């Protein structure tokens, strides 16, 4: 078995700055957050733009998009965090969670809105753009602000995948792996 690479930037530990301590009252002290907490400015910019608050899309649609983006980008860490902490609350079944990591995810029997989100994630992953047919399908299911939020969310989680992969973060305790 291949030995895991060490984490490239070690997570910080308490004591936290007042701003970070305040954020950790509402956020779990995950490795990624603790790495970013080494610099209050980077931490605040990152957690302030997370799009995890109630918005224009449902929790289910948000988590579906996040899981697909994480799977497409091979972020075992972030995929595992979202499966372990949020997929059940989002109402995703075990089969749906598994399908987010499948090569043929578009072939899963998604309900219409879910299938459009999977197609959106795949299109943006491959070319950072979408064609008119997909835009039309999106507009048939979501209003403009929901589409805008989906685009921002997918971009944000691609950034998260870059961070988690480049930092070589280990899975959080008890969180599943894309491969499991």
Protein backbone atom coordinates (compact mmCIF):
# COMPACT_ATOMS: atom_id res chain seq x y z
CA UNK A 1 0.00 0.00 0.00
CA UNK A 2 1.25 3.48 -0.90
CA UNK A 3 2.23 5.64 2.04
CA UNK A 4 0.17 8.84 2.34
CA UNK A 5 2.02 12.08 1.81
CA UNK A 6 2.25 14.32 4.84
CA UNK A 7 -0.02 17.34 4.98
CA UNK A 8 1.86 20.18 3.31
CA UNK A 9 0.76 22.98 5.67
CA UNK A 10 -0.06 21.84 9.18
CA UNK A 11 -3.40 22.85 10.67
CA UNK A 12 -3.21 25.46 13.42
CA UNK A 13 -4.47 24.80 16.90
CA UNK A 14 -5.94 26.95 19.65
CA UNK A 15 -5.60 29.53 20.97
CA UNK A 16 -7.39 31.22 18.09
CA UNK A 17 -7.63 34.88 17.25
CA UNK A 18 -10.96 36.37 18.42
CA UNK A 19 -12.36 36.35 14.85
CA UNK A 20 -11.39 32.72 14.25
CA UNK A 21 -12.66 31.67 17.69
CA UNK A 22 -15.98 33.32 16.91
CA UNK A 23 -16.23 31.49 13.58
CA UNK A 24 -15.40 28.17 15.26
CA UNK A 25 -18.45 28.64 17.49
CA UNK A 26 -20.58 27.89 14.39
CA UNK A 27 -18.15 25.89 12.23
CA UNK A 28 -16.57 22.49 12.87
CA UNK A 29 -12.83 22.62 13.41
CA UNK A 30 -12.05 20.68 10.26
CA UNK A 31 -8.46 20.39 9.00
CA UNK A 32 -9.05 22.73 6.05
CA UNK A 33 -10.47 25.44 8.30
CA UNK A 34 -7.62 25.01 10.77
CA UNK A 35 -5.00 25.33 8.00
CA UNK A 36 -6.64 28.54 6.83
CA UNK A 37 -6.94 29.73 10.44
CA UNK A 38 -3.15 30.19 10.41
CA UNK A 39 -3.92 33.51 8.68
CA UNK A 40 -6.99 35.40 9.87
CA UNK A 41 -7.40 37.27 6.57
CA UNK A 42 -7.34 34.11 4.42
CA UNK A 43 -9.61 32.31 6.87
CA UNK A 44 -12.21 35.09 6.93
CA UNK A 45 -12.24 35.47 3.14
CA UNK A 46 -12.69 31.74 2.70
CA UNK A 47 -15.42 31.10 5.28
CA UNK A 48 -17.19 34.33 4.39
CA UNK A 49 -17.75 33.15 0.82
CA UNK A 50 -18.76 29.57 1.48
CA UNK A 51 -22.35 29.66 0.18
CA UNK A 52 -23.41 27.19 2.86
CA UNK A 53 -26.16 29.48 4.13
CA UNK A 54 -29.78 29.17 3.02
CA UNK A 55 -29.95 30.73 -0.42
CA UNK A 56 -31.64 30.36 -3.78
CA UNK A 57 -31.15 26.58 -4.06
CA UNK A 58 -32.22 23.77 -1.78
CA UNK A 59 -29.83 21.96 0.55
CA UNK A 60 -30.28 18.88 -1.64
CA UNK A 61 -29.25 20.70 -4.81
CA UNK A 62 -26.35 22.42 -3.09
CA UNK A 63 -24.96 19.16 -1.72
CA UNK A 64 -25.52 17.32 -4.99
CA UNK A 65 -23.46 19.94 -6.85
CA UNK A 66 -20.73 19.92 -4.18
CA UNK A 67 -20.44 16.13 -4.18
CA UNK A 68 -20.22 15.98 -7.97
CA UNK A 69 -17.59 18.73 -8.16
CA UNK A 70 -15.53 17.07 -5.42
CA UNK A 71 -15.74 13.70 -7.17
CA UNK A 72 -14.81 15.17 -10.56
CA UNK A 73 -11.78 16.84 -8.98
CA UNK A 74 -10.74 13.83 -6.90
CA UNK A 75 -11.11 15.62 -3.57
CA UNK A 76 -11.55 12.64 -1.28
CA UNK A 77 -11.28 14.95 1.73
CA UNK A 78 -14.08 17.37 0.80
CA UNK A 79 -16.34 14.71 -0.71
CA UNK A 80 -16.03 12.75 2.54
CA UNK A 81 -16.79 15.80 4.70
CA UNK A 82 -19.96 16.57 2.76
CA UNK A 83 -21.11 12.95 2.64
CA UNK A 84 -20.39 12.45 6.34
CA UNK A 85 -21.85 15.71 7.61
CA UNK A 86 -24.54 16.82 5.15
CA UNK A 87 -25.73 14.23 2.63
CA UNK A 88 -28.32 12.65 4.92
CA UNK A 89 -29.73 16.04 5.94
CA UNK A 90 -29.91 16.91 2.23
CA UNK A 91 -32.04 13.82 1.61
CA UNK A 92 -29.54 12.11 -0.67
CA UNK A 93 -29.78 8.32 -0.75
CA UNK A 94 -26.74 6.05 -0.60
CA UNK A 95 -27.25 5.25 -4.30
CA UNK A 96 -27.37 8.95 -5.18
CA UNK A 97 -24.23 9.67 -3.16
CA UNK A 98 -22.43 6.81 -4.92
CA UNK A 99 -23.66 8.05 -8.30
CA UNK A 100 -22.04 11.46 -7.71
CA UNK A 101 -18.66 9.71 -7.80
CA UNK A 102 -19.43 7.47 -10.79
CA UNK A 103 -17.90 8.00 -14.20
CA UNK A 104 -21.36 7.73 -15.77
CA UNK A 105 -23.14 9.92 -13.21
CA UNK A 106 -25.38 11.36 -15.93
CA UNK A 107 -26.73 7.83 -16.53
CA UNK A 108 -28.13 7.54 -12.99
CA UNK A 109 -31.92 7.83 -12.81
CA UNK A 110 -31.96 11.38 -11.40
CA UNK A 111 -35.10 13.44 -11.02
CA UNK A 112 -35.07 16.20 -13.65
CA UNK A 113 -33.57 19.03 -11.53
CA UNK A 114 -30.88 16.75 -10.12
CA UNK A 115 -29.89 15.53 -13.58
CA UNK A 116 -29.51 19.10 -14.82
CA UNK A 117 -27.21 19.88 -11.89
CA UNK A 118 -25.04 16.84 -12.67
CA UNK A 119 -24.84 17.93 -16.33
CA UNK A 120 -23.95 21.47 -15.25
CA UNK A 121 -21.11 20.26 -13.02
CA UNK A 122 -19.77 18.01 -15.77
CA UNK A 123 -19.92 20.75 -18.42
CA UNK A 124 -18.21 23.33 -16.23
CA UNK A 125 -15.54 20.81 -15.26
CA UNK A 126 -14.68 20.03 -18.86
CA UNK A 127 -14.82 23.50 -20.41
CA UNK A 128 -15.78 26.19 -17.85
CA UNK A 129 -18.82 27.02 -19.99
CA UNK A 130 -22.22 25.62 -20.89
CA UNK A 131 -24.06 25.41 -24.19
CA UNK A 132 -27.44 26.93 -24.98
CA UNK A 133 -29.29 23.63 -24.56
CA UNK A 134 -28.03 23.19 -20.99
CA UNK A 135 -28.73 26.86 -20.21
CA UNK A 136 -32.29 26.37 -21.44
CA UNK A 137 -32.68 23.22 -19.33
CA UNK A 138 -31.37 25.09 -16.27
CA UNK A 139 -33.77 27.99 -16.90
CA UNK A 140 -36.62 25.48 -17.13
CA UNK A 141 -35.95 24.33 -13.56
CA UNK A 142 -34.29 27.23 -11.74
CA UNK A 143 -34.73 30.99 -11.66
CA UNK A 144 -31.85 33.31 -12.54
CA UNK A 145 -30.62 33.79 -8.97
CA UNK A 146 -30.58 30.03 -8.38
CA UNK A 147 -28.58 29.54 -11.59
CA UNK A 148 -26.16 32.26 -10.53
CA UNK A 149 -25.77 30.63 -7.12
CA UNK A 150 -25.13 27.22 -8.71
CA UNK A 151 -22.42 28.72 -10.94
CA UNK A 152 -20.76 30.42 -7.97
CA UNK A 153 -21.06 27.29 -5.80
CA UNK A 154 -19.48 25.06 -8.43
CA UNK A 155 -16.61 27.52 -8.87
CA UNK A 156 -16.14 27.84 -5.12
CA UNK A 157 -15.95 24.08 -4.64
CA UNK A 158 -13.47 23.69 -7.46
CA UNK A 159 -11.32 26.11 -5.43
CA UNK A 160 -11.90 23.98 -2.33
CA UNK A 161 -10.80 20.88 -4.26
CA UNK A 162 -7.61 22.63 -5.35
CA UNK A 163 -6.87 23.49 -1.72
CA UNK A 164 -7.65 20.07 -0.25
CA UNK A 165 -5.78 18.18 -2.97
CA UNK A 166 -2.71 20.43 -3.06
CA UNK A 167 -2.48 20.49 0.74
CA UNK A 168 -2.73 16.66 0.83
CA UNK A 169 -5.32 16.75 3.62
CA UNK A 170 -6.12 13.39 5.18
CA UNK A 171 -9.74 12.32 5.50
CA UNK A 172 -11.42 13.64 8.63
CA UNK A 173 -11.98 10.94 11.25
CA UNK A 174 -14.93 8.75 10.39
CA UNK A 175 -15.58 10.34 7.01
CA UNK A 176 -16.01 8.15 3.92
CA UNK A 177 -13.75 8.05 0.90
CA UNK A 178 -14.82 8.39 -2.72
CA UNK A 179 -13.33 4.93 -3.23
CA UNK A 180 -15.26 3.25 -0.41
